[in-house]
Amino acid sequence: MVSYAIGEIKRLLQIETHVVRYWEKEVPLIQPQKDKRGRKLYSSHDLQILLRLKYLLYERRFTIEGARGQLFRELAGDYQNRRAQVTVLRSELLDLYFFVHKV
């Protein structure tokens, strides 16, 4: 698993660390883990959320509340799409199972 220290996040996103900390408080989807020394480490998923958040705030001019809501809507949509894909795969696997066992 790839992890990023806050300094790396700062460099990659080109924003100050206090901004990252503020976003982390305002958007509960960002969930860094602490290492043994107590330093926060951000996952690849956290980085993706931070990149999307930066885009929504700086490019699309969302407020932090609006950006947070947009992120939740996007993730809910991803969840629904994945759930639909699993349902289709399950159906196809059952069809394949019954086909194989008929022969």
C-alpha atoms as a PDB file:
ATOM      1  CA  MET A   1       0.000   0.000   0.000  1.00  0.00           C
ATOM      2  CA  VAL A   2       1.360   3.384  -0.994  1.00  0.00           C
ATOM      3  CA  SER A   3       1.266   6.081   1.659  1.00  0.00           C
ATOM      4  CA  TYR A   4       2.074   9.758   1.460  1.00  0.00           C
ATOM      5  CA  ALA A   5       3.293  12.040   4.232  1.00  0.00           C
ATOM      6  CA  ILE A   6       1.714  15.474   4.431  1.00  0.00           C
ATOM      7  CA  GLY A   7       4.871  17.016   2.905  1.00  0.00           C
ATOM      8  CA  GLU A   8       4.453  14.816  -0.168  1.00  0.00           C
ATOM      9  CA  ILE A   9       0.776  15.769  -0.394  1.00  0.00           C
ATOM     10  CA  LYS A  10       1.788  19.423  -0.190  1.00  0.00           C
ATOM     11  CA  ARG A  11       4.276  18.976  -3.027  1.00  0.00           C
ATOM     12  CA  LEU A  12       1.962  16.907  -5.242  1.00  0.00           C
ATOM     13  CA  LEU A  13      -1.065  19.174  -4.847  1.00  0.00           C
ATOM     14  CA  GLN A  14       0.917  22.403  -4.544  1.00  0.00           C
ATOM     15  CA  ILE A  15      -1.065  23.566  -1.531  1.00  0.00           C
ATOM     16  CA  GLU A  16      -0.036  24.391   2.018  1.00  0.00           C
ATOM     17  CA  THR A  17      -0.212  21.769   4.754  1.00  0.00           C
ATOM     18  CA  HIS A  18      -2.696  23.808   6.793  1.00  0.00           C
ATOM     19  CA  VAL A  19      -5.066  23.637   3.798  1.00  0.00           C
ATOM     20  CA  VAL A  20      -4.742  19.829   3.722  1.00  0.00           C
ATOM     21  CA  ARG A  21      -5.508  19.677   7.443  1.00  0.00           C
ATOM     22  CA  TYR A  22      -8.520  21.954   7.032  1.00  0.00           C
ATOM     23  CA  TRP A  23      -9.886  19.862   4.154  1.00  0.00           C
ATOM     24  CA  GLU A  24      -9.359  16.735   6.233  1.00  0.00           C
ATOM     25  CA  LYS A  25     -11.547  18.212   8.991  1.00  0.00           C
ATOM     26  CA  GLU A  26     -14.237  19.367   6.556  1.00  0.00           C
ATOM     27  CA  VAL A  27     -14.401  16.235   4.384  1.00  0.00           C
ATOM     28  CA  PRO A  28     -14.658  13.020   6.421  1.00  0.00           C
ATOM     29  CA  LEU A  29     -13.887  10.953   3.321  1.00  0.00           C
ATOM     30  CA  ILE A  30     -10.226  11.874   3.841  1.00  0.00           C
ATOM     31  CA  GLN A  31      -8.994   9.474   6.506  1.00  0.00           C
ATOM     32  CA  PRO A  32      -5.225   9.436   6.968  1.00  0.00           C
ATOM     33  CA  GLN A  33      -3.793   6.765   9.224  1.00  0.00           C
ATOM     34  CA  LYS A  34      -1.110   7.424  11.818  1.00  0.00           C
ATOM     35  CA  ASP A  35       2.187   5.577  11.790  1.00  0.00           C
ATOM     36  CA  LYS A  36       4.045   4.385  14.881  1.00  0.00           C
ATOM     37  CA  ARG A  37       5.500   7.852  15.392  1.00  0.00           C
ATOM     38  CA  GLY A  38       2.081   9.500  15.194  1.00  0.00           C
ATOM     39  CA  ARG A  39       2.600  11.051  11.765  1.00  0.00           C
ATOM     40  CA  LYS A  40      -0.364  11.084   9.411  1.00  0.00           C
ATOM     41  CA  LEU A  41      -0.050   9.007   6.268  1.00  0.00           C
ATOM     42  CA  TYR A  42      -2.449   9.530   3.384  1.00  0.00           C
ATOM     43  CA  SER A  43      -3.455   6.599   1.176  1.00  0.00           C
ATOM     44  CA  SER A  44      -3.775   6.653  -2.603  1.00  0.00           C
ATOM     45  CA  HIS A  45      -7.534   6.906  -2.090  1.00  0.00           C
ATOM     46  CA  ASP A  46      -7.052   9.946   0.151  1.00  0.00           C
ATOM     47  CA  LEU A  47      -4.825  11.490  -2.522  1.00  0.00           C
ATOM     48  CA  GLN A  48      -7.483  10.932  -5.198  1.00  0.00           C
ATOM     49  CA  ILE A  49     -10.108  12.601  -3.015  1.00  0.00           C
ATOM     50  CA  LEU A  50      -7.780  15.518  -2.284  1.00  0.00           C
ATOM     51  CA  LEU A  51      -7.039  15.969  -6.001  1.00  0.00           C
ATOM     52  CA  ARG A  52     -10.745  15.938  -6.841  1.00  0.00           C
ATOM     53  CA  LEU A  53     -11.475  18.325  -3.972  1.00  0.00           C
ATOM     54  CA  LYS A  54      -8.806  20.737  -5.187  1.00  0.00           C
ATOM     55  CA  TYR A  55     -10.315  20.641  -8.677  1.00  0.00           C
ATOM     56  CA  LEU A  56     -13.825  21.294  -7.370  1.00  0.00           C
ATOM     57  CA  LEU A  57     -12.689  24.162  -5.156  1.00  0.00           C
ATOM     58  CA  TYR A  58     -10.134  25.882  -7.384  1.00  0.00           C
ATOM     59  CA  GLU A  59     -11.328  25.140 -10.910  1.00  0.00           C
ATOM     60  CA  ARG A  60     -15.081  24.682 -10.560  1.00  0.00           C
ATOM     61  CA  ARG A  61     -15.303  27.310  -7.764  1.00  0.00           C
ATOM     62  CA  PHE A  62     -17.376  25.168  -5.386  1.00  0.00           C
ATOM     63  CA  THR A  63     -17.656  26.128  -1.740  1.00  0.00           C
ATOM     64  CA  ILE A  64     -16.224  23.576   0.684  1.00  0.00           C
ATOM     65  CA  GLU A  65     -19.800  22.497   1.536  1.00  0.00           C
ATOM     66  CA  GLY A  66     -20.713  22.148  -2.124  1.00  0.00           C
ATOM     67  CA  ALA A  67     -17.532  20.227  -2.915  1.00  0.00           C
ATOM     68  CA  ARG A  68     -18.108  17.884   0.037  1.00  0.00           C
ATOM     69  CA  GLY A  69     -21.650  17.181  -1.200  1.00  0.00           C
ATOM     70  CA  GLN A  70     -20.409  16.596  -4.744  1.00  0.00           C
ATOM     71  CA  LEU A  71     -17.799  14.114  -3.516  1.00  0.00           C
ATOM     72  CA  PHE A  72     -20.430  12.207  -1.534  1.00  0.00           C
ATOM     73  CA  ARG A  73     -22.730  12.101  -4.589  1.00  0.00           C
ATOM     74  CA  GLU A  74     -19.904  10.862  -6.795  1.00  0.00           C
ATOM     75  CA  LEU A  75     -18.915   8.135  -4.357  1.00  0.00           C
ATOM     76  CA  ALA A  76     -22.548   7.072  -3.907  1.00  0.00           C
ATOM     77  CA  GLY A  77     -22.843   6.791  -7.689  1.00  0.00           C
ATOM     78  CA  ASP A  78     -19.677   4.681  -7.829  1.00  0.00           C
ATOM     79  CA  TYR A  79     -21.117   2.414  -5.146  1.00  0.00           C
ATOM     80  CA  GLN A  80     -24.381   1.976  -7.068  1.00  0.00           C
ATOM     81  CA  ASN A  81     -22.492   1.218 -10.289  1.00  0.00           C
ATOM     82  CA  ARG A  82     -20.314  -1.371  -8.570  1.00  0.00           C
ATOM     83  CA  ARG A  83     -23.338  -2.953  -6.957  1.00  0.00           C
ATOM     84  CA  ALA A  84     -25.057  -3.227 -10.354  1.00  0.00           C
ATOM     85  CA  GLN A  85     -21.910  -4.741 -11.862  1.00  0.00           C
ATOM     86  CA  VAL A  86     -21.730  -7.335  -9.077  1.00  0.00           C
ATOM     87  CA  THR A  87     -25.374  -8.261  -9.674  1.00  0.00           C
ATOM     88  CA  VAL A  88     -24.730  -8.784 -13.399  1.00  0.00           C
ATOM     89  CA  LEU A  89     -21.590 -10.832 -12.705  1.00  0.00           C
ATOM     90  CA  ARG A  90     -23.415 -12.964 -10.154  1.00  0.00           C
ATOM     91  CA  SER A  91     -26.138 -13.686 -12.689  1.00  0.00           C
ATOM     92  CA  GLU A  92     -23.602 -14.575 -15.367  1.00  0.00           C
ATOM     93  CA  LEU A  93     -21.726 -16.862 -12.965  1.00  0.00           C
ATOM     94  CA  LEU A  94     -24.943 -18.663 -12.042  1.00  0.00           C
ATOM     95  CA  ASP A  95     -25.782 -19.095 -15.718  1.00  0.00           C
ATOM     96  CA  LEU A  96     -22.298 -20.493 -16.344  1.00  0.00           C
ATOM     97  CA  TYR A  97     -22.532 -22.794 -13.320  1.00  0.00           C
ATOM     98  CA  PHE A  98     -25.824 -24.291 -14.479  1.00  0.00           C
ATOM     99  CA  PHE A  99     -24.550 -24.602 -18.042  1.00  0.00           C
ATOM    100  CA  VAL A 100     -21.438 -26.503 -16.908  1.00  0.00           C
ATOM    101  CA  HIS A 101     -23.392 -28.798 -14.614  1.00  0.00           C
ATOM    102  CA  LYS A 102     -25.944 -29.717 -17.305  1.00  0.00           C
ATOM    103  CA  VAL A 103     -23.232 -31.098 -19.584  1.00  0.00           C
END
